[in-house]
């Protein structure tokens, strides 16, 4: 298995994605929204 060094936002995104299933049905939409926000921040190059 390959190991990666992650910055704080990348690690946070992984944790939020891992918690999506546990958040269903209560809190799922909020967790999904948070994952999308973090992803957008990580991929915003402008």
PDB file of N, CA and C in Angstrom:
ATOM      1  N   UNK A   1       0.844  -1.176   0.000  1.00  0.00           N
ATOM      2  CA  UNK A   1       0.000   0.000   0.000  1.00  0.00           C
ATOM      3  C   UNK A   1       0.890   1.240   0.000  1.00  0.00           C
ATOM      4  N   UNK A   2       0.527   2.183  -0.822  1.00  0.00           N
ATOM      5  CA  UNK A   2       1.291   3.418  -0.946  1.00  0.00           C
ATOM      6  C   UNK A   2       0.831   4.422   0.107  1.00  0.00           C
ATOM      7  N   UNK A   3       1.775   5.083   0.766  1.00  0.00           N
ATOM      8  CA  UNK A   3       1.460   6.095   1.778  1.00  0.00           C
ATOM      9  C   UNK A   3       1.565   7.473   1.148  1.00  0.00           C
ATOM     10  N   UNK A   4       0.670   8.364   1.556  1.00  0.00           N
ATOM     11  CA  UNK A   4       0.655   9.725   1.053  1.00  0.00           C
ATOM     12  C   UNK A   4       0.717  10.703   2.217  1.00  0.00           C
ATOM     13  N   UNK A   5       1.332  11.837   1.958  1.00  0.00           N
ATOM     14  CA  UNK A   5       1.289  12.927   2.925  1.00  0.00           C
ATOM     15  C   UNK A   5       0.131  13.835   2.517  1.00  0.00           C
ATOM     16  N   UNK A   6      -0.751  14.114   3.471  1.00  0.00           N
ATOM     17  CA  UNK A   6      -1.925  14.929   3.199  1.00  0.00           C
ATOM     18  C   UNK A   6      -1.840  16.238   3.959  1.00  0.00           C
ATOM     19  N   UNK A   7      -2.355  17.284   3.329  1.00  0.00           N
ATOM     20  CA  UNK A   7      -2.465  18.521   4.090  1.00  0.00           C
ATOM     21  C   UNK A   7      -3.760  18.459   4.891  1.00  0.00           C
ATOM     22  N   UNK A   8      -4.012  19.468   5.692  1.00  0.00           N
ATOM     23  CA  UNK A   8      -5.150  19.455   6.610  1.00  0.00           C
ATOM     24  C   UNK A   8      -6.492  19.344   5.887  1.00  0.00           C
ATOM     25  N   UNK A   9      -6.660  20.094   4.784  1.00  0.00           N
ATOM     26  CA  UNK A   9      -7.927  20.058   4.055  1.00  0.00           C
ATOM     27  C   UNK A   9      -8.168  18.708   3.401  1.00  0.00           C
ATOM     28  N   UNK A  10      -7.130  18.091   2.858  1.00  0.00           N
ATOM     29  CA  UNK A  10      -7.283  16.779   2.234  1.00  0.00           C
ATOM     30  C   UNK A  10      -7.696  15.737   3.271  1.00  0.00           C
ATOM     31  N   UNK A  11      -7.071  15.771   4.422  1.00  0.00           N
ATOM     32  CA  UNK A  11      -7.412  14.829   5.488  1.00  0.00           C
ATOM     33  C   UNK A  11      -8.839  15.059   5.970  1.00  0.00           C
ATOM     34  N   UNK A  12      -9.248  16.320   6.071  1.00  0.00           N
ATOM     35  CA  UNK A  12     -10.607  16.635   6.491  1.00  0.00           C
ATOM     36  C   UNK A  12     -11.623  16.107   5.484  1.00  0.00           C
ATOM     37  N   UNK A  13     -11.343  16.267   4.194  1.00  0.00           N
ATOM     38  CA  UNK A  13     -12.244  15.770   3.156  1.00  0.00           C
ATOM     39  C   UNK A  13     -12.404  14.259   3.261  1.00  0.00           C
ATOM     40  N   UNK A  14     -11.335  13.549   3.468  1.00  0.00           N
ATOM     41  CA  UNK A  14     -11.402  12.093   3.604  1.00  0.00           C
ATOM     42  C   UNK A  14     -12.258  11.704   4.806  1.00  0.00           C
ATOM     43  N   UNK A  15     -12.075  12.376   5.927  1.00  0.00           N
ATOM     44  CA  UNK A  15     -12.869  12.078   7.118  1.00  0.00           C
ATOM     45  C   UNK A  15     -14.352  12.349   6.893  1.00  0.00           C
ATOM     46  N   UNK A  16     -14.670  13.460   6.237  1.00  0.00           N
ATOM     47  CA  UNK A  16     -16.071  13.797   5.967  1.00  0.00           C
ATOM     48  C   UNK A  16     -16.693  12.745   5.056  1.00  0.00           C
ATOM     49  N   UNK A  17     -15.978  12.321   4.038  1.00  0.00           N
ATOM     50  CA  UNK A  17     -16.491  11.300   3.123  1.00  0.00           C
ATOM     51  C   UNK A  17     -16.707   9.979   3.870  1.00  0.00           C
ATOM     52  N   UNK A  18     -15.783   9.622   4.737  1.00  0.00           N
ATOM     53  CA  UNK A  18     -15.935   8.389   5.515  1.00  0.00           C
ATOM     54  C   UNK A  18     -17.149   8.451   6.437  1.00  0.00           C
ATOM     55  N   UNK A  19     -17.503   9.632   6.902  1.00  0.00           N
ATOM     56  CA  UNK A  19     -18.620   9.788   7.830  1.00  0.00           C
ATOM     57  C   UNK A  19     -19.974   9.911   7.130  1.00  0.00           C
ATOM     58  N   UNK A  20     -19.993  10.003   5.813  1.00  0.00           N
ATOM     59  CA  UNK A  20     -21.258  10.157   5.091  1.00  0.00           C
ATOM     60  C   UNK A  20     -22.244   9.035   5.394  1.00  0.00           C
ATOM     61  N   UNK A  21     -21.798   7.810   5.361  1.00  0.00           N
ATOM     62  CA  UNK A  21     -22.696   6.668   5.581  1.00  0.00           C
ATOM     63  C   UNK A  21     -23.262   6.690   6.996  1.00  0.00           C
ATOM     64  N   UNK A  22     -22.425   7.056   7.972  1.00  0.00           N
ATOM     65  CA  UNK A  22     -22.902   7.115   9.359  1.00  0.00           C
ATOM     66  C   UNK A  22     -23.906   8.245   9.570  1.00  0.00           C
ATOM     67  N   UNK A  23     -23.826   9.279   8.751  1.00  0.00           N
ATOM     68  CA  UNK A  23     -24.694  10.441   8.901  1.00  0.00           C
ATOM     69  C   UNK A  23     -26.073  10.218   8.306  1.00  0.00           C
ATOM     70  N   UNK A  24     -26.262   9.141   7.554  1.00  0.00           N
ATOM     71  CA  UNK A  24     -27.551   8.906   6.903  1.00  0.00           C
ATOM     72  C   UNK A  24     -28.552   8.358   7.896  1.00  0.00           C
ATOM     73  N   UNK A  25     -29.786   8.787   7.963  1.00  0.00           N
ATOM     74  CA  UNK A  25     -30.406   9.840   7.187  1.00  0.00           C
ATOM     75  C   UNK A  25     -30.261  11.220   7.832  1.00  0.00           C
ATOM     76  N   UNK A  26     -30.026  11.269   9.144  1.00  0.00           N
ATOM     77  CA  UNK A  26     -29.929  12.562   9.835  1.00  0.00           C
ATOM     78  C   UNK A  26     -28.526  13.122   9.692  1.00  0.00           C
ATOM     79  N   UNK A  27     -28.419  14.262   9.065  1.00  0.00           N
ATOM     80  CA  UNK A  27     -27.123  14.900   8.909  1.00  0.00           C
ATOM     81  C   UNK A  27     -26.434  14.586   7.597  1.00  0.00           C
ATOM     82  N   UNK A  28     -27.009  13.678   6.810  1.00  0.00           N
ATOM     83  CA  UNK A  28     -26.379  13.284   5.547  1.00  0.00           C
ATOM     84  C   UNK A  28     -26.224  14.468   4.599  1.00  0.00           C
ATOM     85  N   UNK A  29     -27.283  15.253   4.456  1.00  0.00           N
ATOM     86  CA  UNK A  29     -27.234  16.378   3.522  1.00  0.00           C
ATOM     87  C   UNK A  29     -26.172  17.393   3.937  1.00  0.00           C
ATOM     88  N   UNK A  30     -26.041  17.619   5.240  1.00  0.00           N
ATOM     89  CA  UNK A  30     -25.041  18.564   5.729  1.00  0.00           C
ATOM     90  C   UNK A  30     -23.627  18.041   5.494  1.00  0.00           C
ATOM     91  N   UNK A  31     -23.428  16.743   5.728  1.00  0.00           N
ATOM     92  CA  UNK A  31     -22.112  16.144   5.494  1.00  0.00           C
ATOM     93  C   UNK A  31     -21.750  16.179   4.016  1.00  0.00           C
ATOM     94  N   UNK A  32     -22.726  15.900   3.153  1.00  0.00           N
ATOM     95  CA  UNK A  32     -22.492  15.936   1.719  1.00  0.00           C
ATOM     96  C   UNK A  32     -22.149  17.353   1.278  1.00  0.00           C
ATOM     97  N   UNK A  33     -22.881  18.332   1.790  1.00  0.00           N
ATOM     98  CA  UNK A  33     -22.607  19.736   1.473  1.00  0.00           C
ATOM     99  C   UNK A  33     -21.180  20.109   1.908  1.00  0.00           C
ATOM    100  N   UNK A  34     -20.797  19.693   3.112  1.00  0.00           N
ATOM    101  CA  UNK A  34     -19.465  19.996   3.615  1.00  0.00           C
ATOM    102  C   UNK A  34     -18.389  19.357   2.733  1.00  0.00           C
ATOM    103  N   UNK A  35     -18.590  18.115   2.333  1.00  0.00           N
ATOM    104  CA  UNK A  35     -17.633  17.436   1.452  1.00  0.00           C
ATOM    105  C   UNK A  35     -17.499  18.190   0.133  1.00  0.00           C
ATOM    106  N   UNK A  36     -18.614  18.653  -0.404  1.00  0.00           N
ATOM    107  CA  UNK A  36     -18.574  19.400  -1.663  1.00  0.00           C
ATOM    108  C   UNK A  36     -17.841  20.726  -1.500  1.00  0.00           C
ATOM    109  N   UNK A  37     -18.044  21.395  -0.372  1.00  0.00           N
ATOM    110  CA  UNK A  37     -17.364  22.670  -0.122  1.00  0.00           C
ATOM    111  C   UNK A  37     -15.852  22.485  -0.021  1.00  0.00           C
ATOM    112  N   UNK A  38     -15.432  21.476   0.716  1.00  0.00           N
ATOM    113  CA  UNK A  38     -14.003  21.218   0.864  1.00  0.00           C
ATOM    114  C   UNK A  38     -13.393  20.835  -0.473  1.00  0.00           C
ATOM    115  N   UNK A  39     -14.092  19.971  -1.236  1.00  0.00           N
ATOM    116  CA  UNK A  39     -13.604  19.586  -2.559  1.00  0.00           C
ATOM    117  C   UNK A  39     -13.455  20.806  -3.455  1.00  0.00           C
ATOM    118  N   UNK A  40     -14.448  21.680  -3.444  1.00  0.00           N
ATOM    119  CA  UNK A  40     -14.391  22.889  -4.265  1.00  0.00           C
ATOM    120  C   UNK A  40     -13.200  23.770  -3.877  1.00  0.00           C
ATOM    121  N   UNK A  41     -12.932  23.894  -2.580  1.00  0.00           N
ATOM    122  CA  UNK A  41     -11.789  24.689  -2.131  1.00  0.00           C
ATOM    123  C   UNK A  41     -10.478  24.070  -2.620  1.00  0.00           C
ATOM    124  N   UNK A  42     -10.388  22.760  -2.558  1.00  0.00           N
ATOM    125  CA  UNK A  42      -9.158  22.079  -2.979  1.00  0.00           C
ATOM    126  C   UNK A  42      -8.930  22.168  -4.478  1.00  0.00           C
ATOM    127  N   UNK A  43      -9.999  22.291  -5.249  1.00  0.00           N
ATOM    128  CA  UNK A  43      -9.853  22.292  -6.699  1.00  0.00           C
ATOM    129  C   UNK A  43     -10.005  23.676  -7.321  1.00  0.00           C
ATOM    130  N   UNK A  44     -10.148  24.686  -6.499  1.00  0.00           N
ATOM    131  CA  UNK A  44     -10.279  26.066  -6.998  1.00  0.00           C
ATOM    132  C   UNK A  44      -8.889  26.632  -7.279  1.00  0.00           C
ATOM    133  N   UNK A  45      -8.576  26.812  -8.531  1.00  0.00           N
ATOM    134  CA  UNK A  45      -7.244  27.277  -8.909  1.00  0.00           C
ATOM    135  C   UNK A  45      -7.215  28.754  -9.262  1.00  0.00           C
ATOM    136  N   UNK A  46      -8.352  29.428  -9.218  1.00  0.00           N
ATOM    137  CA  UNK A  46      -8.401  30.835  -9.592  1.00  0.00           C
ATOM    138  C   UNK A  46      -8.329  31.731  -8.385  1.00  0.00           C
TER     139      UNK A  46
END
